[in-house]
C-alpha cells in the first residue's frame, strides 16, 4: 500500500513539474558591464590613504617613516614587535621604499632577530574623503582630500591633504605614495 501511495505522489509531482516553464537565467549580452575607472582609482587612493600613518616630513626621515608605518601593522604585534617581513612589504607597497635591514634604526630600543620594535605611544587616525583627483602629464596623480584627524589625545580636526601617487606595477596597489602633506586651516603642516 505504501509503495502505491509513494508511486502516486511521484507521478503527480512529475505531471505538475511538466506544466512548469523553466527558463535558464542568462546575462543580458546587450548591456555590457560598465566600469568607472575614475571611481576605481579613487577607491584605491582612499584605501591607501586611510591605511597610511606617514605624512609631511616623515617621508624624508626613514626612522619616522618606519615607526609610523608599523602603526598600520599593529594587528601583527607580538610582544612589542612586528615581523620585519611585514614591515618591508608594507613600506614597499605603500611608499616604494626598499630596506634590506633595519639595524640602523631605533638603535637605543629593544632588538629581536627579524623583528621591528613597536614604540608604545598614542597615534592619530586619518579618515580621508576625495575632493579631486588630477592626472599629471607624467602619469602620476595628485589627489586632494579632506581628512578628519582623530588625535590620540581626544581632539578632532579637519584639514586638507595633498598626496602624489606614482605608478608602480610591482606594488600590490599599482601605485606608491611619493608624498602626502596635511595642511591645517592655518595653512601649517600638521606634525605627524
C-alpha atoms as a PDB file:
ATOM      1  CA  UNK A   1       0.000   0.000   0.000  1.00  0.00           C
ATOM      2  CA  UNK A   2       2.817   2.368   0.918  1.00  0.00           C
ATOM      3  CA  UNK A   3       4.566   1.713  -2.420  1.00  0.00           C
ATOM      4  CA  UNK A   4       1.395   2.547  -4.369  1.00  0.00           C
ATOM      5  CA  UNK A   5       0.922   5.810  -2.442  1.00  0.00           C
ATOM      6  CA  UNK A   6       4.571   6.801  -2.980  1.00  0.00           C
ATOM      7  CA  UNK A   7       4.342   5.970  -6.693  1.00  0.00           C
ATOM      8  CA  UNK A   8       1.154   8.056  -6.986  1.00  0.00           C
ATOM      9  CA  UNK A   9       2.766  11.060  -5.268  1.00  0.00           C
ATOM     10  CA  UNK A  10       5.812  10.829  -7.540  1.00  0.00           C
ATOM     11  CA  UNK A  11       3.617  10.564 -10.632  1.00  0.00           C
ATOM     12  CA  UNK A  12       1.581  13.625  -9.620  1.00  0.00           C
ATOM     13  CA  UNK A  13       4.822  15.546  -8.915  1.00  0.00           C
ATOM     14  CA  UNK A  14       6.245  14.701 -12.342  1.00  0.00           C
ATOM     15  CA  UNK A  15       2.990  15.737 -14.054  1.00  0.00           C
ATOM     16  CA  UNK A  16       2.891  19.063 -12.166  1.00  0.00           C
ATOM     17  CA  UNK A  17       6.541  19.785 -12.958  1.00  0.00           C
ATOM     18  CA  UNK A  18       5.929  19.143 -16.640  1.00  0.00           C
ATOM     19  CA  UNK A  19       3.481  22.067 -16.663  1.00  0.00           C
ATOM     20  CA  UNK A  20       6.097  24.444 -15.185  1.00  0.00           C
ATOM     21  CA  UNK A  21       8.200  26.505 -17.521  1.00  0.00           C
ATOM     22  CA  UNK A  22      11.902  26.527 -16.675  1.00  0.00           C
ATOM     23  CA  UNK A  23      13.888  29.170 -18.483  1.00  0.00           C
ATOM     24  CA  UNK A  24      17.599  29.384 -17.888  1.00  0.00           C
ATOM     25  CA  UNK A  25      18.941  32.608 -16.460  1.00  0.00           C
ATOM     26  CA  UNK A  26      21.408  34.301 -18.763  1.00  0.00           C
ATOM     27  CA  UNK A  27      23.336  37.517 -18.686  1.00  0.00           C
ATOM     28  CA  UNK A  28      21.999  40.290 -20.828  1.00  0.00           C
ATOM     29  CA  UNK A  29      24.557  40.441 -23.627  1.00  0.00           C
ATOM     30  CA  UNK A  30      23.119  43.707 -24.926  1.00  0.00           C
ATOM     31  CA  UNK A  31      24.274  45.731 -21.880  1.00  0.00           C
ATOM     32  CA  UNK A  32      27.954  45.197 -21.101  1.00  0.00           C
ATOM     33  CA  UNK A  33      29.203  45.912 -17.606  1.00  0.00           C
ATOM     34  CA  UNK A  34      30.492  49.456 -17.310  1.00  0.00           C
ATOM     35  CA  UNK A  35      33.476  50.050 -15.079  1.00  0.00           C
ATOM     36  CA  UNK A  36      34.099  53.607 -13.985  1.00  0.00           C
ATOM     37  CA  UNK A  37      37.908  53.744 -13.930  1.00  0.00           C
ATOM     38  CA  UNK A  38      37.871  57.069 -12.092  1.00  0.00           C
ATOM     39  CA  UNK A  39      35.903  55.525  -9.223  1.00  0.00           C
ATOM     40  CA  UNK A  40      38.227  52.508  -9.157  1.00  0.00           C
ATOM     41  CA  UNK A  41      41.255  54.812  -8.842  1.00  0.00           C
ATOM     42  CA  UNK A  42      39.539  56.949  -6.198  1.00  0.00           C
ATOM     43  CA  UNK A  43      38.743  53.832  -4.177  1.00  0.00           C
ATOM     44  CA  UNK A  44      42.333  52.614  -4.455  1.00  0.00           C
ATOM     45  CA  UNK A  45      43.725  56.018  -3.419  1.00  0.00           C
ATOM     46  CA  UNK A  46      41.304  56.273  -0.481  1.00  0.00           C
ATOM     47  CA  UNK A  47      42.188  52.766   0.661  1.00  0.00           C
ATOM     48  CA  UNK A  48      45.877  53.628   0.667  1.00  0.00           C
ATOM     49  CA  UNK A  49      45.388  56.979   2.403  1.00  0.00           C
ATOM     50  CA  UNK A  50      43.083  55.575   5.075  1.00  0.00           C
ATOM     51  CA  UNK A  51      45.710  52.933   5.921  1.00  0.00           C
ATOM     52  CA  UNK A  52      48.640  55.336   5.954  1.00  0.00           C
ATOM     53  CA  UNK A  53      50.197  56.895   9.032  1.00  0.00           C
ATOM     54  CA  UNK A  54      53.011  58.656   7.151  1.00  0.00           C
ATOM     55  CA  UNK A  55      52.515  62.343   6.389  1.00  0.00           C
ATOM     56  CA  UNK A  56      54.542  65.504   5.869  1.00  0.00           C
ATOM     57  CA  UNK A  57      58.192  65.353   6.990  1.00  0.00           C
ATOM     58  CA  UNK A  58      58.003  61.646   7.898  1.00  0.00           C
ATOM     59  CA  UNK A  59      58.524  60.912   4.186  1.00  0.00           C
ATOM     60  CA  UNK A  60      62.012  62.400   4.412  1.00  0.00           C
ATOM     61  CA  UNK A  61      63.124  60.644   7.611  1.00  0.00           C
ATOM     62  CA  UNK A  62      63.414  56.862   7.292  1.00  0.00           C
ATOM     63  CA  UNK A  63      63.174  56.242  11.038  1.00  0.00           C
ATOM     64  CA  UNK A  64      59.975  58.294  11.289  1.00  0.00           C
ATOM     65  CA  UNK A  65      58.573  56.602   8.170  1.00  0.00           C
ATOM     66  CA  UNK A  66      59.232  53.147   9.649  1.00  0.00           C
ATOM     67  CA  UNK A  67      57.928  53.986  13.127  1.00  0.00           C
ATOM     68  CA  UNK A  68      54.755  55.461  11.636  1.00  0.00           C
ATOM     69  CA  UNK A  69      54.339  52.600   9.157  1.00  0.00           C
ATOM     70  CA  UNK A  70      54.461  49.974  11.872  1.00  0.00           C
ATOM     71  CA  UNK A  71      51.237  51.505  13.251  1.00  0.00           C
ATOM     72  CA  UNK A  72      49.382  50.071  10.243  1.00  0.00           C
ATOM     73  CA  UNK A  73      50.626  46.625  11.271  1.00  0.00           C
ATOM     74  CA  UNK A  74      49.607  46.624  14.938  1.00  0.00           C
ATOM     75  CA  UNK A  75      47.408  43.567  14.404  1.00  0.00           C
ATOM     76  CA  UNK A  76      50.674  41.633  13.845  1.00  0.00           C
ATOM     77  CA  UNK A  77      52.243  42.945  17.060  1.00  0.00           C
ATOM     78  CA  UNK A  78      53.566  40.103  19.199  1.00  0.00           C
ATOM     79  CA  UNK A  79      55.244  41.027  22.483  1.00  0.00           C
ATOM     80  CA  UNK A  80      56.016  44.546  21.242  1.00  0.00           C
ATOM     81  CA  UNK A  81      57.483  43.506  17.881  1.00  0.00           C
ATOM     82  CA  UNK A  82      56.287  43.167  14.294  1.00  0.00           C
ATOM     83  CA  UNK A  83      57.930  40.768  11.871  1.00  0.00           C
ATOM     84  CA  UNK A  84      60.324  42.717   9.615  1.00  0.00           C
ATOM     85  CA  UNK A  85      58.976  40.948   6.525  1.00  0.00           C
ATOM     86  CA  UNK A  86      55.543  42.527   7.100  1.00  0.00           C
ATOM     87  CA  UNK A  87      57.091  45.962   7.516  1.00  0.00           C
ATOM     88  CA  UNK A  88      59.279  45.573   4.403  1.00  0.00           C
ATOM     89  CA  UNK A  89      56.244  44.557   2.324  1.00  0.00           C
ATOM     90  CA  UNK A  90      54.125  47.377   3.705  1.00  0.00           C
ATOM     91  CA  UNK A  91      56.626  50.203   3.088  1.00  0.00           C
ATOM     92  CA  UNK A  92      57.403  48.896  -0.399  1.00  0.00           C
ATOM     93  CA  UNK A  93      53.757  48.548  -1.424  1.00  0.00           C
ATOM     94  CA  UNK A  94      52.707  51.880   0.102  1.00  0.00           C
ATOM     95  CA  UNK A  95      55.757  54.096  -0.421  1.00  0.00           C
ATOM     96  CA  UNK A  96      58.069  52.229  -2.812  1.00  0.00           C
ATOM     97  CA  UNK A  97      60.883  52.148  -0.239  1.00  0.00           C
ATOM     98  CA  UNK A  98      63.175  49.134  -0.058  1.00  0.00           C
ATOM     99  CA  UNK A  99      65.045  48.240   3.146  1.00  0.00           C
ATOM    100  CA  UNK A 100      67.488  45.359   3.313  1.00  0.00           C
ATOM    101  CA  UNK A 101      67.855  45.691   7.058  1.00  0.00           C
ATOM    102  CA  UNK A 102      66.500  47.805   9.887  1.00  0.00           C
ATOM    103  CA  UNK A 103      69.632  47.588  12.053  1.00  0.00           C
ATOM    104  CA  UNK A 104      70.464  51.288  11.834  1.00  0.00           C
ATOM    105  CA  UNK A 105      67.022  52.424  13.016  1.00  0.00           C
ATOM    106  CA  UNK A 106      65.826  52.749  16.617  1.00  0.00           C
ATOM    107  CA  UNK A 107      69.330  51.906  17.872  1.00  0.00           C
ATOM    108  CA  UNK A 108      68.505  52.584  21.535  1.00  0.00           C
ATOM    109  CA  UNK A 109      65.358  50.454  21.529  1.00  0.00           C
ATOM    110  CA  UNK A 110      64.934  46.702  22.136  1.00  0.00           C
ATOM    111  CA  UNK A 111      66.004  44.382  19.317  1.00  0.00           C
ATOM    112  CA  UNK A 112      64.965  40.872  18.257  1.00  0.00           C
ATOM    113  CA  UNK A 113      66.078  38.855  15.242  1.00  0.00           C
ATOM    114  CA  UNK A 114      63.828  39.515  12.255  1.00  0.00           C
ATOM    115  CA  UNK A 115      61.573  41.797  14.304  1.00  0.00           C
ATOM    116  CA  UNK A 116      60.941  45.548  14.411  1.00  0.00           C
ATOM    117  CA  UNK A 117      60.154  47.117  17.786  1.00  0.00           C
ATOM    118  CA  UNK A 118      56.806  48.901  18.138  1.00  0.00           C
ATOM    119  CA  UNK A 119      57.208  52.053  20.206  1.00  0.00           C
ATOM    120  CA  UNK A 120      54.394  52.268  22.744  1.00  0.00           C
ATOM    121  CA  UNK A 121      52.670  55.577  22.079  1.00  0.00           C
ATOM    122  CA  UNK A 122      49.389  57.161  21.171  1.00  0.00           C
ATOM    123  CA  UNK A 123      48.674  57.580  17.489  1.00  0.00           C
ATOM    124  CA  UNK A 124      46.254  59.547  15.363  1.00  0.00           C
ATOM    125  CA  UNK A 125      43.657  58.117  12.951  1.00  0.00           C
ATOM    126  CA  UNK A 126      43.186  59.676   9.498  1.00  0.00           C
ATOM    127  CA  UNK A 127      39.931  59.410   7.562  1.00  0.00           C
ATOM    128  CA  UNK A 128      40.073  60.819   4.035  1.00  0.00           C
ATOM    129  CA  UNK A 129      37.406  61.738   1.509  1.00  0.00           C
ATOM    130  CA  UNK A 130      38.226  62.734  -2.059  1.00  0.00           C
ATOM    131  CA  UNK A 131      37.962  66.376  -3.082  1.00  0.00           C
ATOM    132  CA  UNK A 132      39.585  65.934  -6.505  1.00  0.00           C
ATOM    133  CA  UNK A 133      41.933  63.716  -8.488  1.00  0.00           C
ATOM    134  CA  UNK A 134      44.188  65.174 -11.177  1.00  0.00           C
ATOM    135  CA  UNK A 135      46.174  63.066 -13.601  1.00  0.00           C
ATOM    136  CA  UNK A 136      49.531  64.708 -14.241  1.00  0.00           C
ATOM    137  CA  UNK A 137      51.396  64.725 -17.568  1.00  0.00           C
ATOM    138  CA  UNK A 138      53.881  62.107 -16.297  1.00  0.00           C
ATOM    139  CA  UNK A 139      51.105  59.633 -15.404  1.00  0.00           C
ATOM    140  CA  UNK A 140      51.199  60.380 -11.686  1.00  0.00           C
ATOM    141  CA  UNK A 141      48.092  61.540  -9.819  1.00  0.00           C
ATOM    142  CA  UNK A 142      47.722  64.466  -7.452  1.00  0.00           C
ATOM    143  CA  UNK A 143      44.914  63.757  -5.026  1.00  0.00           C
ATOM    144  CA  UNK A 144      43.370  66.357  -2.741  1.00  0.00           C
ATOM    145  CA  UNK A 145      41.351  65.033   0.156  1.00  0.00           C
ATOM    146  CA  UNK A 146      39.552  66.341   3.146  1.00  0.00           C
ATOM    147  CA  UNK A 147      40.996  64.494   6.109  1.00  0.00           C
ATOM    148  CA  UNK A 148      39.437  64.176   9.532  1.00  0.00           C
ATOM    149  CA  UNK A 149      42.186  63.615  12.074  1.00  0.00           C
ATOM    150  CA  UNK A 150      41.177  61.913  15.314  1.00  0.00           C
ATOM    151  CA  UNK A 151      44.076  62.796  17.575  1.00  0.00           C
ATOM    152  CA  UNK A 152      45.088  60.262  20.192  1.00  0.00           C
ATOM    153  CA  UNK A 153      44.539  62.854  22.935  1.00  0.00           C
ATOM    154  CA  UNK A 154      40.845  63.135  22.110  1.00  0.00           C
ATOM    155  CA  UNK A 155      40.543  66.141  19.799  1.00  0.00           C
ATOM    156  CA  UNK A 156      39.412  66.071  16.181  1.00  0.00           C
ATOM    157  CA  UNK A 157      40.460  68.364  13.356  1.00  0.00           C
ATOM    158  CA  UNK A 158      39.520  68.611   9.694  1.00  0.00           C
ATOM    159  CA  UNK A 159      42.220  69.557   7.220  1.00  0.00           C
ATOM    160  CA  UNK A 160      43.155  69.306   3.555  1.00  0.00           C
ATOM    161  CA  UNK A 161      45.703  66.775   2.354  1.00  0.00           C
ATOM    162  CA  UNK A 162      47.592  66.745  -0.926  1.00  0.00           C
ATOM    163  CA  UNK A 163      49.099  63.413  -1.986  1.00  0.00           C
ATOM    164  CA  UNK A 164      51.141  62.436  -5.018  1.00  0.00           C
ATOM    165  CA  UNK A 165      50.620  58.879  -6.262  1.00  0.00           C
ATOM    166  CA  UNK A 166      53.093  57.419  -8.750  1.00  0.00           C
ATOM    167  CA  UNK A 167      52.565  54.237 -10.723  1.00  0.00           C
ATOM    168  CA  UNK A 168      54.445  51.138  -9.573  1.00  0.00           C
ATOM    169  CA  UNK A 169      53.420  47.895 -11.230  1.00  0.00           C
ATOM    170  CA  UNK A 170      55.331  45.932  -8.579  1.00  0.00           C
ATOM    171  CA  UNK A 171      53.237  47.397  -5.763  1.00  0.00           C
ATOM    172  CA  UNK A 172      50.150  45.429  -4.760  1.00  0.00           C
ATOM    173  CA  UNK A 173      48.220  48.687  -5.144  1.00  0.00           C
ATOM    174  CA  UNK A 174      49.710  49.563  -8.548  1.00  0.00           C
ATOM    175  CA  UNK A 175      50.826  52.880  -7.040  1.00  0.00           C
ATOM    176  CA  UNK A 176      53.064  54.322  -4.348  1.00  0.00           C
ATOM    177  CA  UNK A 177      52.596  57.440  -2.289  1.00  0.00           C
ATOM    178  CA  UNK A 178      55.522  59.768  -3.016  1.00  0.00           C
ATOM    179  CA  UNK A 179      54.416  62.412  -0.516  1.00  0.00           C
ATOM    180  CA  UNK A 180      51.323  63.251   1.466  1.00  0.00           C
ATOM    181  CA  UNK A 181      51.084  66.690   3.079  1.00  0.00           C
ATOM    182  CA  UNK A 182      48.362  67.628   5.520  1.00  0.00           C
ATOM    183  CA  UNK A 183      47.699  71.344   5.931  1.00  0.00           C
ATOM    184  CA  UNK A 184      45.609  72.688   8.777  1.00  0.00           C
ATOM    185  CA  UNK A 185      43.209  75.624   8.495  1.00  0.00           C
ATOM    186  CA  UNK A 186      46.106  77.962   9.342  1.00  0.00           C
ATOM    187  CA  UNK A 187      47.995  76.521   6.340  1.00  0.00           C
ATOM    188  CA  UNK A 188      50.672  74.970   8.527  1.00  0.00           C
ATOM    189  CA  UNK A 189      51.794  71.395   8.178  1.00  0.00           C
ATOM    190  CA  UNK A 190      50.488  69.079  10.864  1.00  0.00           C
ATOM    191  CA  UNK A 191      53.236  67.406  12.892  1.00  0.00           C
ATOM    192  CA  UNK A 192      52.928  63.699  12.152  1.00  0.00           C
END
